[in-house]
């Protein structure tokens, strides 16, 4: 009876290799798409152009990236990861933590400001793309709320998420036009919007109440 050959402890499985390759191709395609979006409207960019910009054949890219909506979802995950890289300050109010996390989000978007403008310009002319990105925005706002200590489950969970999305999208427009060196306009607007949210929801029990620790 022959002995089974032991697998090396540090061996990388084929599945791991495939996952790494998929992530690499998605990252390359996303970076290429963002470069193109920095100079043109999102709706004017074809998948074939993204593949060429990334140094991939269209076939190679389509194995892992099936649509531009897939790339937008990947972009959202990249920004989410930057926003949530470290915990928000435990001290202070929920409003303070929301402010900190959202400013981190805008800081992460800073490297892609022109691309964000190109994406939004394109989405304004393509309601279908905007609709497709709804779930990614909802997920991002849920992560935001959870990280800030906002309870996003239960009957009013969706209301909280929608309210956070409204604050974010409103401030995003200001951020895109903010030419101040220290993002002062963005911070002032965000603080004002979060203050309004806090005021508007003061009569809704536990709207911005922290989750139990």
Protein backbone atom coordinates (compact mmCIF):
# COMPACT_ATOMS: atom_id res chain seq x y z
CA UNK A 1 0.00 0.00 0.00
CA UNK A 2 1.58 3.25 -1.12
CA UNK A 3 1.86 6.14 1.30
CA UNK A 4 0.09 9.37 0.47
CA UNK A 5 2.36 12.25 -0.33
CA UNK A 6 2.04 15.00 2.25
CA UNK A 7 1.12 18.46 0.97
CA UNK A 8 3.75 21.09 1.81
CA UNK A 9 2.59 23.28 4.67
CA UNK A 10 2.97 26.49 2.68
CA UNK A 11 1.52 25.15 -0.54
CA UNK A 12 -0.93 27.46 -2.31
CA UNK A 13 -4.06 25.75 -3.56
CA UNK A 14 -5.23 26.14 -7.16
CA UNK A 15 -8.38 27.80 -5.81
CA UNK A 16 -6.23 30.37 -4.01
CA UNK A 17 -4.24 31.04 -7.18
CA UNK A 18 -7.47 31.53 -9.13
CA UNK A 19 -8.87 33.91 -6.53
CA UNK A 20 -5.66 35.95 -6.54
CA UNK A 21 -5.72 36.16 -10.33
CA UNK A 22 -9.36 37.23 -10.34
CA UNK A 23 -8.65 39.94 -7.76
CA UNK A 24 -5.61 41.13 -9.73
CA UNK A 25 -7.56 41.37 -12.98
CA UNK A 26 -10.44 43.15 -11.27
CA UNK A 27 -8.04 45.66 -9.70
CA UNK A 28 -6.30 46.28 -13.03
CA UNK A 29 -9.63 46.74 -14.80
CA UNK A 30 -10.91 49.06 -12.07
CA UNK A 31 -7.77 51.21 -12.14
CA UNK A 32 -8.03 51.42 -15.93
CA UNK A 33 -11.72 52.33 -15.78
CA UNK A 34 -11.04 55.07 -13.25
CA UNK A 35 -8.28 56.53 -15.42
CA UNK A 36 -10.67 56.68 -18.35
CA UNK A 37 -13.51 58.09 -16.23
CA UNK A 38 -11.22 60.92 -15.15
CA UNK A 39 -11.32 62.25 -18.71
CA UNK A 40 -14.70 61.10 -20.04
CA UNK A 41 -18.26 60.42 -18.93
CA UNK A 42 -18.77 56.91 -17.59
CA UNK A 43 -21.49 56.12 -20.11
CA UNK A 44 -19.12 56.88 -23.00
CA UNK A 45 -16.59 54.23 -21.95
CA UNK A 46 -16.81 50.75 -23.46
CA UNK A 47 -15.66 47.54 -21.80
CA UNK A 48 -13.23 46.92 -24.66
CA UNK A 49 -11.55 50.27 -23.97
CA UNK A 50 -11.21 49.40 -20.30
CA UNK A 51 -9.62 46.06 -21.15
CA UNK A 52 -7.16 47.70 -23.55
CA UNK A 53 -6.27 50.38 -20.98
CA UNK A 54 -5.64 47.61 -18.43
CA UNK A 55 -3.41 45.65 -20.82
CA UNK A 56 -5.90 42.79 -21.01
CA UNK A 57 -7.82 41.19 -23.80
CA UNK A 58 -11.57 41.61 -23.52
CA UNK A 59 -11.86 37.86 -23.07
CA UNK A 60 -9.42 37.87 -20.16
CA UNK A 61 -11.27 40.68 -18.44
CA UNK A 62 -14.74 39.23 -19.00
CA UNK A 63 -13.80 36.06 -17.12
CA UNK A 64 -13.79 38.14 -13.95
CA UNK A 65 -15.45 41.46 -14.81
CA UNK A 66 -18.76 41.06 -16.60
CA UNK A 67 -19.94 44.67 -16.71
CA UNK A 68 -19.15 48.24 -15.79
CA UNK A 69 -21.57 47.85 -12.89
CA UNK A 70 -19.26 45.13 -11.57
CA UNK A 71 -16.42 47.66 -11.61
CA UNK A 72 -18.48 50.29 -9.83
CA UNK A 73 -19.31 47.75 -7.12
CA UNK A 74 -15.60 46.95 -6.81
CA UNK A 75 -14.84 50.67 -6.52
CA UNK A 76 -17.38 50.96 -3.72
CA UNK A 77 -15.76 48.04 -1.88
CA UNK A 78 -12.33 49.65 -2.26
CA UNK A 79 -13.56 52.89 -0.71
CA UNK A 80 -15.44 51.00 2.01
CA UNK A 81 -12.23 49.21 2.96
CA UNK A 82 -10.36 52.51 3.24
CA UNK A 83 -13.14 54.05 5.33
CA UNK A 84 -13.19 51.07 7.70
CA UNK A 85 -9.45 50.36 7.83
CA UNK A 86 -9.33 51.39 11.49
CA UNK A 87 -12.12 51.73 14.07
CA UNK A 88 -13.66 55.13 14.61
CA UNK A 89 -12.80 56.89 17.86
CA UNK A 90 -14.74 55.24 20.67
CA UNK A 91 -15.15 58.50 22.57
CA UNK A 92 -17.65 61.09 21.48
CA UNK A 93 -21.16 60.88 20.08
CA UNK A 94 -22.49 58.79 17.23
CA UNK A 95 -22.59 62.00 15.21
CA UNK A 96 -18.85 62.47 15.81
CA UNK A 97 -18.09 58.94 14.65
CA UNK A 98 -20.24 59.36 11.54
CA UNK A 99 -18.40 62.58 10.76
CA UNK A 100 -15.01 60.89 11.17
CA UNK A 101 -15.90 57.91 9.00
CA UNK A 102 -17.47 59.98 6.22
CA UNK A 103 -14.48 62.30 6.09
CA UNK A 104 -12.28 59.21 5.79
CA UNK A 105 -14.46 58.17 2.87
CA UNK A 106 -13.98 61.51 1.16
CA UNK A 107 -10.24 61.33 1.82
CA UNK A 108 -10.15 57.91 0.12
CA UNK A 109 -12.12 59.29 -2.84
CA UNK A 110 -9.66 62.16 -3.16
CA UNK A 111 -7.31 60.19 -5.41
CA UNK A 112 -10.21 59.62 -7.83
CA UNK A 113 -11.99 62.99 -7.75
CA UNK A 114 -12.07 63.49 -11.53
CA UNK A 115 -13.17 59.90 -12.04
CA UNK A 116 -15.98 60.29 -9.51
CA UNK A 117 -17.18 63.35 -11.41
CA UNK A 118 -17.07 61.43 -14.68
CA UNK A 119 -19.02 58.55 -13.15
CA UNK A 120 -21.68 60.83 -11.69
CA UNK A 121 -21.99 62.77 -14.95
CA UNK A 122 -22.58 59.51 -16.78
CA UNK A 123 -25.02 58.13 -14.23
CA UNK A 124 -27.09 61.30 -14.45
CA UNK A 125 -27.73 60.35 -18.08
CA UNK A 126 -28.25 56.64 -17.39
CA UNK A 127 -30.91 55.91 -14.75
CA UNK A 128 -30.42 52.16 -15.21
CA UNK A 129 -26.81 52.39 -14.01
CA UNK A 130 -27.89 54.49 -11.05
CA UNK A 131 -30.51 51.89 -10.16
CA UNK A 132 -27.97 49.07 -10.39
CA UNK A 133 -25.67 50.86 -7.95
CA UNK A 134 -28.37 51.20 -5.32
CA UNK A 135 -27.46 47.97 -3.49
CA UNK A 136 -23.78 48.97 -3.28
CA UNK A 137 -24.70 52.33 -1.76
CA UNK A 138 -27.04 50.66 0.72
CA UNK A 139 -24.27 48.26 1.74
CA UNK A 140 -21.78 51.10 2.18
CA UNK A 141 -24.19 53.06 4.36
CA UNK A 142 -24.94 49.99 6.43
CA UNK A 143 -21.21 49.50 7.02
CA UNK A 144 -20.94 53.17 7.91
CA UNK A 145 -23.77 52.95 10.42
CA UNK A 146 -22.48 49.74 11.97
CA UNK A 147 -18.96 51.18 12.35
CA UNK A 148 -20.35 54.33 13.97
CA UNK A 149 -22.51 52.36 16.38
CA UNK A 150 -25.85 53.01 14.70
CA UNK A 151 -28.23 50.06 14.92
CA UNK A 152 -29.19 49.45 11.29
CA UNK A 153 -31.44 46.43 11.84
CA UNK A 154 -35.07 46.32 12.87
CA UNK A 155 -38.09 48.12 11.53
CA UNK A 156 -36.44 51.53 11.14
CA UNK A 157 -33.09 50.16 9.94
CA UNK A 158 -33.82 50.95 6.27
CA UNK A 159 -34.91 54.47 7.25
CA UNK A 160 -31.59 55.05 9.00
CA UNK A 161 -29.64 53.76 6.01
CA UNK A 162 -31.58 55.98 3.60
CA UNK A 163 -31.02 58.99 5.85
CA UNK A 164 -27.27 58.35 5.95
CA UNK A 165 -27.23 57.92 2.17
CA UNK A 166 -28.97 61.28 1.75
CA UNK A 167 -26.38 63.00 3.96
CA UNK A 168 -23.53 61.33 2.08
CA UNK A 169 -24.79 62.09 -1.42
CA UNK A 170 -25.61 65.69 -0.54
CA UNK A 171 -22.13 66.20 0.90
CA UNK A 172 -20.52 64.41 -2.04
CA UNK A 173 -21.73 67.18 -4.35
CA UNK A 174 -20.13 69.79 -2.11
CA UNK A 175 -16.90 67.77 -1.87
CA UNK A 176 -16.59 67.61 -5.66
CA UNK A 177 -16.53 71.41 -5.83
CA UNK A 178 -14.50 71.98 -2.65
CA UNK A 179 -11.28 73.75 -3.63
CA UNK A 180 -10.17 74.50 -0.07
CA UNK A 181 -6.81 73.07 0.98
CA UNK A 182 -8.20 71.45 4.12
CA UNK A 183 -11.65 70.36 2.87
CA UNK A 184 -13.14 73.04 5.11
CA UNK A 185 -16.25 73.46 2.95
CA UNK A 186 -16.91 69.74 2.95
CA UNK A 187 -16.45 69.43 6.70
CA UNK A 188 -18.71 72.40 7.40
CA UNK A 189 -21.44 71.04 5.13
CA UNK A 190 -21.17 67.51 6.55
CA UNK A 191 -21.31 68.78 10.13
CA UNK A 192 -24.40 70.83 9.27
CA UNK A 193 -26.14 67.90 7.57
CA UNK A 194 -25.39 65.52 10.44
CA UNK A 195 -26.64 68.16 12.87
CA UNK A 196 -29.88 68.43 10.92
CA UNK A 197 -30.20 64.66 10.87
CA UNK A 198 -29.71 64.57 14.62
CA UNK A 199 -32.32 67.28 15.06
CA UNK A 200 -34.87 65.80 12.66
CA UNK A 201 -34.63 62.39 14.28
CA UNK A 202 -34.60 63.52 17.89
CA UNK A 203 -38.25 62.51 18.23
CA UNK A 204 -37.72 59.07 16.73
CA UNK A 205 -36.76 56.72 19.55
CA UNK A 206 -33.27 55.24 19.20
CA UNK A 207 -32.72 56.56 15.66
CA UNK A 208 -29.08 57.38 16.28
CA UNK A 209 -28.79 55.34 19.46
CA UNK A 210 -25.56 53.38 19.73
CA UNK A 211 -25.65 49.63 19.56
CA UNK A 212 -25.00 47.86 22.88
CA UNK A 213 -21.31 47.39 23.73
